[in-house]
Amino acid sequence: MSAISMLAWPEEVTPITGLPTIPAAAPVPAAYFALVEKGQWPRQFFCPTKEPTSESLTGVSIHALAAVGPKMVSPLPAHLLPFAKTGAQYWCFDLNTPGPAIRYVDWEVDQWLTVAPDWPGFLAQLTWQPPLLPPAPSPQEFAHAALVCDAAALPGLLDFARTALSAETYGQWLVHWVKQPGLEALTRTEIAFARQYRWAEFSAPLKAQLSTLS
């Protein structure tokens, strides 16, 4: 099984809401809960599929894994227990199989795939790739891209953050990015832009943080 790196939510950024949850007593591998204790966000997130998906011709991304909490409400049959959800796309344990097998379901387009026979087999398939934002990313999709991006992907995220996020959230991500290896130079350039055009919109504590980091 390949090593999977899990990322925790950055302390610099206000947490987003509406992330998936799964009951602590769910009949799933103990390794699942052990992994999520390290963080909800997989650095290796792209799963290859045997047929095209609504995201890609070659596979699909999984975003936040479910932390312990109530069972997600879904339209899926009872034997499919979701552990990740983005819009109408679900990742599930198939409790009717011995693995249990991992299923990907896109409810909107009626796509039902078995992507792995069990949890270790699923993790072994996941890879990192440069994150690409869809035209209208959900908060979860943007957050995951922001957490796993490299320098090549950062300009696209900056363009979106600058225009679509609240000023405070935009500034908080700048605080996070400027601390990440390989992202410092681009982020400092963006902080200089923000100082000229967005500074009045930031809170006093955020201005203080950015001033010490730029």
C-alpha atoms as a PDB file:
ATOM      1  CA  MET A   1       0.000   0.000   0.000  1.00  0.00           C
ATOM      2  CA  SER A   2       1.369   3.419  -0.906  1.00  0.00           C
ATOM      3  CA  ALA A   3       1.914   5.962   1.860  1.00  0.00           C
ATOM      4  CA  ILE A   4      -0.930   8.452   2.146  1.00  0.00           C
ATOM      5  CA  SER A   5      -0.301  11.862   3.654  1.00  0.00           C
ATOM      6  CA  MET A   6      -3.232  13.424   5.470  1.00  0.00           C
ATOM      7  CA  LEU A   7      -3.407  17.155   6.026  1.00  0.00           C
ATOM      8  CA  ALA A   8      -5.068  18.847   8.974  1.00  0.00           C
ATOM      9  CA  TRP A   9      -6.934  22.114   8.591  1.00  0.00           C
ATOM     10  CA  PRO A  10      -4.526  25.076   8.832  1.00  0.00           C
ATOM     11  CA  GLU A  11      -4.775  27.115  12.007  1.00  0.00           C
ATOM     12  CA  GLU A  12      -4.469  30.353  10.025  1.00  0.00           C
ATOM     13  CA  VAL A  13      -7.770  29.859   8.165  1.00  0.00           C
ATOM     14  CA  THR A  14     -11.310  29.868   9.570  1.00  0.00           C
ATOM     15  CA  PRO A  15     -12.641  26.298   9.147  1.00  0.00           C
ATOM     16  CA  ILE A  16     -15.268  25.684   6.512  1.00  0.00           C
ATOM     17  CA  THR A  17     -18.549  24.044   7.487  1.00  0.00           C
ATOM     18  CA  GLY A  18     -20.569  21.207   6.009  1.00  0.00           C
ATOM     19  CA  LEU A  19     -17.794  18.633   5.830  1.00  0.00           C
ATOM     20  CA  PRO A  20     -18.798  14.948   5.781  1.00  0.00           C
ATOM     21  CA  THR A  21     -19.136  12.860   8.941  1.00  0.00           C
ATOM     22  CA  ILE A  22     -19.398   9.151   9.713  1.00  0.00           C
ATOM     23  CA  PRO A  23     -20.525   7.408  12.935  1.00  0.00           C
ATOM     24  CA  ALA A  24     -17.779   6.200  15.267  1.00  0.00           C
ATOM     25  CA  ALA A  25     -19.486   2.797  15.441  1.00  0.00           C
ATOM     26  CA  ALA A  26     -19.660   2.388  11.655  1.00  0.00           C
ATOM     27  CA  PRO A  27     -18.665  -1.137  10.499  1.00  0.00           C
ATOM     28  CA  VAL A  28     -15.639   0.022   8.536  1.00  0.00           C
ATOM     29  CA  PRO A  29     -11.901  -0.776   8.846  1.00  0.00           C
ATOM     30  CA  ALA A  30     -10.207   0.594  11.955  1.00  0.00           C
ATOM     31  CA  ALA A  31      -7.492   1.849   9.611  1.00  0.00           C
ATOM     32  CA  TYR A  32      -9.984   4.371   8.234  1.00  0.00           C
ATOM     33  CA  PHE A  33     -10.454   6.082  11.598  1.00  0.00           C
ATOM     34  CA  ALA A  34      -6.719   5.910  12.320  1.00  0.00           C
ATOM     35  CA  LEU A  35      -6.039   7.729   9.078  1.00  0.00           C
ATOM     36  CA  VAL A  36      -8.640  10.446   9.613  1.00  0.00           C
ATOM     37  CA  GLU A  37      -7.221  11.161  13.082  1.00  0.00           C
ATOM     38  CA  LYS A  38      -4.198  12.590  11.234  1.00  0.00           C
ATOM     39  CA  GLY A  39      -6.349  14.969   9.186  1.00  0.00           C
ATOM     40  CA  GLN A  40      -9.350  14.952   6.858  1.00  0.00           C
ATOM     41  CA  TRP A  41      -7.585  16.051   3.683  1.00  0.00           C
ATOM     42  CA  PRO A  42      -5.592  13.538   1.588  1.00  0.00           C
ATOM     43  CA  ARG A  43      -2.571  14.908  -0.208  1.00  0.00           C
ATOM     44  CA  GLN A  44      -2.868  12.032  -2.684  1.00  0.00           C
ATOM     45  CA  PHE A  45      -6.433  12.517  -3.882  1.00  0.00           C
ATOM     46  CA  PHE A  46      -6.885  11.420  -7.508  1.00  0.00           C
ATOM     47  CA  CYS A  47      -8.379   7.978  -8.088  1.00  0.00           C
ATOM     48  CA  PRO A  48      -8.169   6.386 -11.544  1.00  0.00           C
ATOM     49  CA  THR A  49     -11.389   4.911 -12.924  1.00  0.00           C
ATOM     50  CA  LYS A  50     -12.125   2.459 -15.711  1.00  0.00           C
ATOM     51  CA  GLU A  51     -14.485   4.893 -17.407  1.00  0.00           C
ATOM     52  CA  PRO A  52     -14.703   8.680 -17.717  1.00  0.00           C
ATOM     53  CA  THR A  53     -16.302  10.675 -14.917  1.00  0.00           C
ATOM     54  CA  SER A  54     -17.867  14.113 -14.827  1.00  0.00           C
ATOM     55  CA  GLU A  55     -14.475  15.440 -13.704  1.00  0.00           C
ATOM     56  CA  SER A  56     -12.013  13.694 -16.011  1.00  0.00           C
ATOM     57  CA  LEU A  57     -11.545  11.100 -18.714  1.00  0.00           C
ATOM     58  CA  THR A  58      -9.217   9.116 -16.469  1.00  0.00           C
ATOM     59  CA  GLY A  59     -10.506   9.375 -12.912  1.00  0.00           C
ATOM     60  CA  VAL A  60     -11.962  11.542 -10.182  1.00  0.00           C
ATOM     61  CA  SER A  61     -10.818  13.437  -7.088  1.00  0.00           C
ATOM     62  CA  ILE A  62     -11.782  12.654  -3.531  1.00  0.00           C
ATOM     63  CA  HIS A  63     -11.779  15.600  -1.144  1.00  0.00           C
ATOM     64  CA  ALA A  64     -12.403  15.683   2.619  1.00  0.00           C
ATOM     65  CA  LEU A  65     -12.753  12.318   4.336  1.00  0.00           C
ATOM     66  CA  ALA A  66     -15.524  12.071   6.898  1.00  0.00           C
ATOM     67  CA  ALA A  67     -14.621  12.780  10.505  1.00  0.00           C
ATOM     68  CA  VAL A  68     -16.511  11.151  13.355  1.00  0.00           C
ATOM     69  CA  GLY A  69     -20.059  12.437  13.598  1.00  0.00           C
ATOM     70  CA  PRO A  70     -23.592  11.662  12.459  1.00  0.00           C
ATOM     71  CA  LYS A  71     -24.180   9.495   9.417  1.00  0.00           C
ATOM     72  CA  MET A  72     -24.508  11.585   6.286  1.00  0.00           C
ATOM     73  CA  VAL A  73     -27.969  11.895   4.798  1.00  0.00           C
ATOM     74  CA  SER A  74     -27.890  10.565   1.247  1.00  0.00           C
ATOM     75  CA  PRO A  75     -30.174   9.046  -1.391  1.00  0.00           C
ATOM     76  CA  LEU A  76     -28.012   5.915  -1.536  1.00  0.00           C
ATOM     77  CA  PRO A  77     -29.155   2.399  -0.614  1.00  0.00           C
ATOM     78  CA  ALA A  78     -28.551   1.408   2.996  1.00  0.00           C
ATOM     79  CA  HIS A  79     -25.606  -0.894   2.245  1.00  0.00           C
ATOM     80  CA  LEU A  80     -23.573   2.007   0.841  1.00  0.00           C
ATOM     81  CA  LEU A  81     -22.051   3.972   3.726  1.00  0.00           C
ATOM     82  CA  PRO A  82     -20.614   7.315   2.544  1.00  0.00           C
ATOM     83  CA  PHE A  83     -17.236   8.466   3.835  1.00  0.00           C
ATOM     84  CA  ALA A  84     -16.762  11.429   1.485  1.00  0.00           C
ATOM     85  CA  LYS A  85     -19.141  13.684  -0.428  1.00  0.00           C
ATOM     86  CA  THR A  86     -18.819  16.599  -2.831  1.00  0.00           C
ATOM     87  CA  GLY A  87     -22.097  17.793  -4.281  1.00  0.00           C
ATOM     88  CA  ALA A  88     -23.834  14.722  -5.725  1.00  0.00           C
ATOM     89  CA  GLN A  89     -20.637  12.648  -5.730  1.00  0.00           C
ATOM     90  CA  TYR A  90     -20.254  10.052  -2.984  1.00  0.00           C
ATOM     91  CA  TRP A  91     -17.444   7.709  -1.912  1.00  0.00           C
ATOM     92  CA  CYS A  92     -18.796   4.739   0.019  1.00  0.00           C
ATOM     93  CA  PHE A  93     -18.015   1.520   1.792  1.00  0.00           C
ATOM     94  CA  ASP A  94     -20.128  -1.244   0.252  1.00  0.00           C
ATOM     95  CA  LEU A  95     -21.238  -3.129   3.346  1.00  0.00           C
ATOM     96  CA  ASN A  96     -22.608  -5.981   1.215  1.00  0.00           C
ATOM     97  CA  THR A  97     -19.074  -7.010   0.268  1.00  0.00           C
ATOM     98  CA  PRO A  98     -16.369  -8.608   2.449  1.00  0.00           C
ATOM     99  CA  GLY A  99     -13.700  -5.939   1.867  1.00  0.00           C
ATOM    100  CA  PRO A 100     -15.735  -3.813   2.187  1.00  0.00           C
ATOM    101  CA  ALA A 101     -15.321  -2.652  -1.391  1.00  0.00           C
ATOM    102  CA  ILE A 102     -15.025   1.058  -2.171  1.00  0.00           C
ATOM    103  CA  ARG A 103     -17.696   2.517  -4.433  1.00  0.00           C
ATOM    104  CA  TYR A 104     -17.858   5.865  -6.222  1.00  0.00           C
ATOM    105  CA  VAL A 105     -21.351   7.133  -7.020  1.00  0.00           C
ATOM    106  CA  ASP A 106     -22.215  10.244  -8.986  1.00  0.00           C
ATOM    107  CA  TRP A 107     -25.923  10.518  -8.267  1.00  0.00           C
ATOM    108  CA  GLU A 108     -26.431  13.363 -10.722  1.00  0.00           C
ATOM    109  CA  VAL A 109     -25.335  11.347 -13.777  1.00  0.00           C
ATOM    110  CA  ASP A 110     -26.273   7.884 -12.441  1.00  0.00           C
ATOM    111  CA  GLN A 111     -22.697   6.588 -12.404  1.00  0.00           C
ATOM    112  CA  TRP A 112     -21.979   3.692 -10.008  1.00  0.00           C
ATOM    113  CA  LEU A 113     -18.406   2.387  -9.943  1.00  0.00           C
ATOM    114  CA  THR A 114     -16.471  -0.066  -7.811  1.00  0.00           C
ATOM    115  CA  VAL A 115     -12.987   1.453  -7.590  1.00  0.00           C
ATOM    116  CA  ALA A 116     -11.281  -0.979  -5.194  1.00  0.00           C
ATOM    117  CA  PRO A 117     -11.986  -4.298  -3.472  1.00  0.00           C
ATOM    118  CA  ASP A 118     -11.065  -2.902  -0.039  1.00  0.00           C
ATOM    119  CA  TRP A 119      -9.681   0.097   1.842  1.00  0.00           C
ATOM    120  CA  PRO A 120      -5.961  -0.695   1.381  1.00  0.00           C
ATOM    121  CA  GLY A 121      -6.534  -1.257  -2.334  1.00  0.00           C
ATOM    122  CA  PHE A 122      -8.260   2.099  -2.584  1.00  0.00           C
ATOM    123  CA  LEU A 123      -5.478   4.014  -0.839  1.00  0.00           C
ATOM    124  CA  ALA A 124      -2.872   2.322  -3.021  1.00  0.00           C
ATOM    125  CA  GLN A 125      -4.449   3.853  -6.126  1.00  0.00           C
ATOM    126  CA  LEU A 126      -4.548   7.454  -4.950  1.00  0.00           C
ATOM    127  CA  THR A 127      -2.010   9.869  -6.427  1.00  0.00           C
ATOM    128  CA  TRP A 128      -1.255  13.569  -6.245  1.00  0.00           C
ATOM    129  CA  GLN A 129      -1.690  15.726  -9.335  1.00  0.00           C
ATOM    130  CA  PRO A 130      -1.789  19.495  -9.841  1.00  0.00           C
ATOM    131  CA  PRO A 131      -5.211  20.568  -8.579  1.00  0.00           C
ATOM    132  CA  LEU A 132      -7.490  22.204 -11.133  1.00  0.00           C
ATOM    133  CA  LEU A 133     -10.456  24.207  -9.913  1.00  0.00           C
ATOM    134  CA  PRO A 134     -13.790  23.592 -11.640  1.00  0.00           C
ATOM    135  CA  PRO A 135     -15.518  26.721 -12.990  1.00  0.00           C
ATOM    136  CA  ALA A 136     -17.519  27.167  -9.779  1.00  0.00           C
ATOM    137  CA  PRO A 137     -15.710  25.259  -7.022  1.00  0.00           C
ATOM    138  CA  SER A 138     -17.446  24.408  -3.791  1.00  0.00           C
ATOM    139  CA  PRO A 139     -15.793  25.574  -0.555  1.00  0.00           C
ATOM    140  CA  GLN A 140     -14.562  22.002  -0.080  1.00  0.00           C
ATOM    141  CA  GLU A 141     -13.057  21.798  -3.584  1.00  0.00           C
ATOM    142  CA  PHE A 142     -11.282  25.135  -3.212  1.00  0.00           C
ATOM    143  CA  ALA A 143     -10.015  24.333   0.276  1.00  0.00           C
ATOM    144  CA  HIS A 144      -8.552  21.014  -0.825  1.00  0.00           C
ATOM    145  CA  ALA A 145      -6.826  22.594  -3.817  1.00  0.00           C
ATOM    146  CA  ALA A 146      -5.481  25.319  -1.539  1.00  0.00           C
ATOM    147  CA  LEU A 147      -4.041  22.722   0.827  1.00  0.00           C
ATOM    148  CA  VAL A 148      -2.307  20.520  -1.764  1.00  0.00           C
ATOM    149  CA  CYS A 149      -1.281  23.023  -4.452  1.00  0.00           C
ATOM    150  CA  ASP A 150       2.219  23.561  -5.792  1.00  0.00           C
ATOM    151  CA  ALA A 151       3.715  26.739  -7.248  1.00  0.00           C
ATOM    152  CA  ALA A 152       2.354  25.953 -10.715  1.00  0.00           C
ATOM    153  CA  ALA A 153      -1.215  25.678  -9.430  1.00  0.00           C
ATOM    154  CA  LEU A 154      -1.098  28.626  -7.024  1.00  0.00           C
ATOM    155  CA  PRO A 155      -1.714  31.444  -9.575  1.00  0.00           C
ATOM    156  CA  GLY A 156      -5.089  29.972 -10.502  1.00  0.00           C
ATOM    157  CA  LEU A 157      -6.028  29.698  -6.847  1.00  0.00           C
ATOM    158  CA  LEU A 158      -4.922  33.267  -6.210  1.00  0.00           C
ATOM    159  CA  ASP A 159      -7.088  34.500  -9.096  1.00  0.00           C
ATOM    160  CA  PHE A 160     -10.108  32.762  -7.612  1.00  0.00           C
ATOM    161  CA  ALA A 161      -9.397  33.758  -4.010  1.00  0.00           C
ATOM    162  CA  ARG A 162      -8.852  37.393  -4.942  1.00  0.00           C
ATOM    163  CA  THR A 163     -12.256  37.727  -6.607  1.00  0.00           C
ATOM    164  CA  ALA A 164     -14.539  35.081  -5.084  1.00  0.00           C
ATOM    165  CA  LEU A 165     -13.606  34.798  -1.398  1.00  0.00           C
ATOM    166  CA  SER A 166     -14.326  37.255   1.359  1.00  0.00           C
ATOM    167  CA  ALA A 167     -11.446  39.626   2.023  1.00  0.00           C
ATOM    168  CA  GLU A 168     -10.735  38.022   5.391  1.00  0.00           C
ATOM    169  CA  THR A 169     -10.663  34.472   4.012  1.00  0.00           C
ATOM    170  CA  TYR A 170      -8.489  35.575   1.093  1.00  0.00           C
ATOM    171  CA  GLY A 171      -6.048  37.145   3.524  1.00  0.00           C
ATOM    172  CA  GLN A 172      -6.047  34.106   5.790  1.00  0.00           C
ATOM    173  CA  TRP A 173      -5.050  31.857   2.901  1.00  0.00           C
ATOM    174  CA  LEU A 174      -2.212  34.276   2.099  1.00  0.00           C
ATOM    175  CA  VAL A 175      -0.971  33.826   5.661  1.00  0.00           C
ATOM    176  CA  HIS A 176      -1.054  30.066   5.160  1.00  0.00           C
ATOM    177  CA  TRP A 177       0.496  29.977   1.695  1.00  0.00           C
ATOM    178  CA  VAL A 178       3.396  32.259   2.499  1.00  0.00           C
ATOM    179  CA  LYS A 179       4.563  29.693   5.072  1.00  0.00           C
ATOM    180  CA  GLN A 180       4.536  26.770   2.604  1.00  0.00           C
ATOM    181  CA  PRO A 181       7.813  25.691   0.964  1.00  0.00           C
ATOM    182  CA  GLY A 182       7.891  26.688  -2.684  1.00  0.00           C
ATOM    183  CA  LEU A 183       4.950  29.108  -2.404  1.00  0.00           C
ATOM    184  CA  GLU A 184       6.643  31.949  -0.545  1.00  0.00           C
ATOM    185  CA  ALA A 185       7.699  34.152  -3.476  1.00  0.00           C
ATOM    186  CA  LEU A 186       4.365  34.064  -5.298  1.00  0.00           C
ATOM    187  CA  THR A 187       2.482  34.695  -2.078  1.00  0.00           C
ATOM    188  CA  ARG A 188       4.640  37.657  -1.091  1.00  0.00           C
ATOM    189  CA  THR A 189       3.912  39.203  -4.489  1.00  0.00           C
ATOM    190  CA  GLU A 190       0.215  38.682  -3.841  1.00  0.00           C
ATOM    191  CA  ILE A 191       0.506  40.209  -0.361  1.00  0.00           C
ATOM    192  CA  ALA A 192       2.047  43.290  -1.965  1.00  0.00           C
ATOM    193  CA  PHE A 193      -0.988  43.474  -4.282  1.00  0.00           C
ATOM    194  CA  ALA A 194      -3.334  43.041  -1.323  1.00  0.00           C
ATOM    195  CA  ARG A 195      -1.538  45.758   0.620  1.00  0.00           C
ATOM    196  CA  GLN A 196      -2.212  48.181  -2.246  1.00  0.00           C
ATOM    197  CA  TYR A 197      -5.790  47.210  -3.108  1.00  0.00           C
ATOM    198  CA  ARG A 198      -7.423  45.185  -0.304  1.00  0.00           C
ATOM    199  CA  TRP A 199      -5.712  46.257   2.894  1.00  0.00           C
ATOM    200  CA  ALA A 200      -8.609  48.345   4.240  1.00  0.00           C
ATOM    201  CA  GLU A 201     -10.880  45.269   4.068  1.00  0.00           C
ATOM    202  CA  PHE A 202      -8.699  43.155   6.365  1.00  0.00           C
ATOM    203  CA  SER A 203      -9.158  42.945  10.127  1.00  0.00           C
ATOM    204  CA  ALA A 204      -6.474  44.449  12.340  1.00  0.00           C
ATOM    205  CA  PRO A 205      -5.164  41.020  13.491  1.00  0.00           C
ATOM    206  CA  LEU A 206      -4.910  39.855   9.877  1.00  0.00           C
ATOM    207  CA  LYS A 207      -3.024  42.992   8.863  1.00  0.00           C
ATOM    208  CA  ALA A 208      -0.601  42.375  11.715  1.00  0.00           C
ATOM    209  CA  GLN A 209       0.018  38.786  10.607  1.00  0.00           C
ATOM    210  CA  LEU A 210       0.543  39.727   6.979  1.00  0.00           C
ATOM    211  CA  SER A 211       2.861  42.590   7.926  1.00  0.00           C
ATOM    212  CA  THR A 212       5.180  40.247   9.792  1.00  0.00           C
ATOM    213  CA  LEU A 213       5.234  37.703   6.960  1.00  0.00           C
ATOM    214  CA  SER A 214       5.553  39.850   3.831  1.00  0.00           C
END
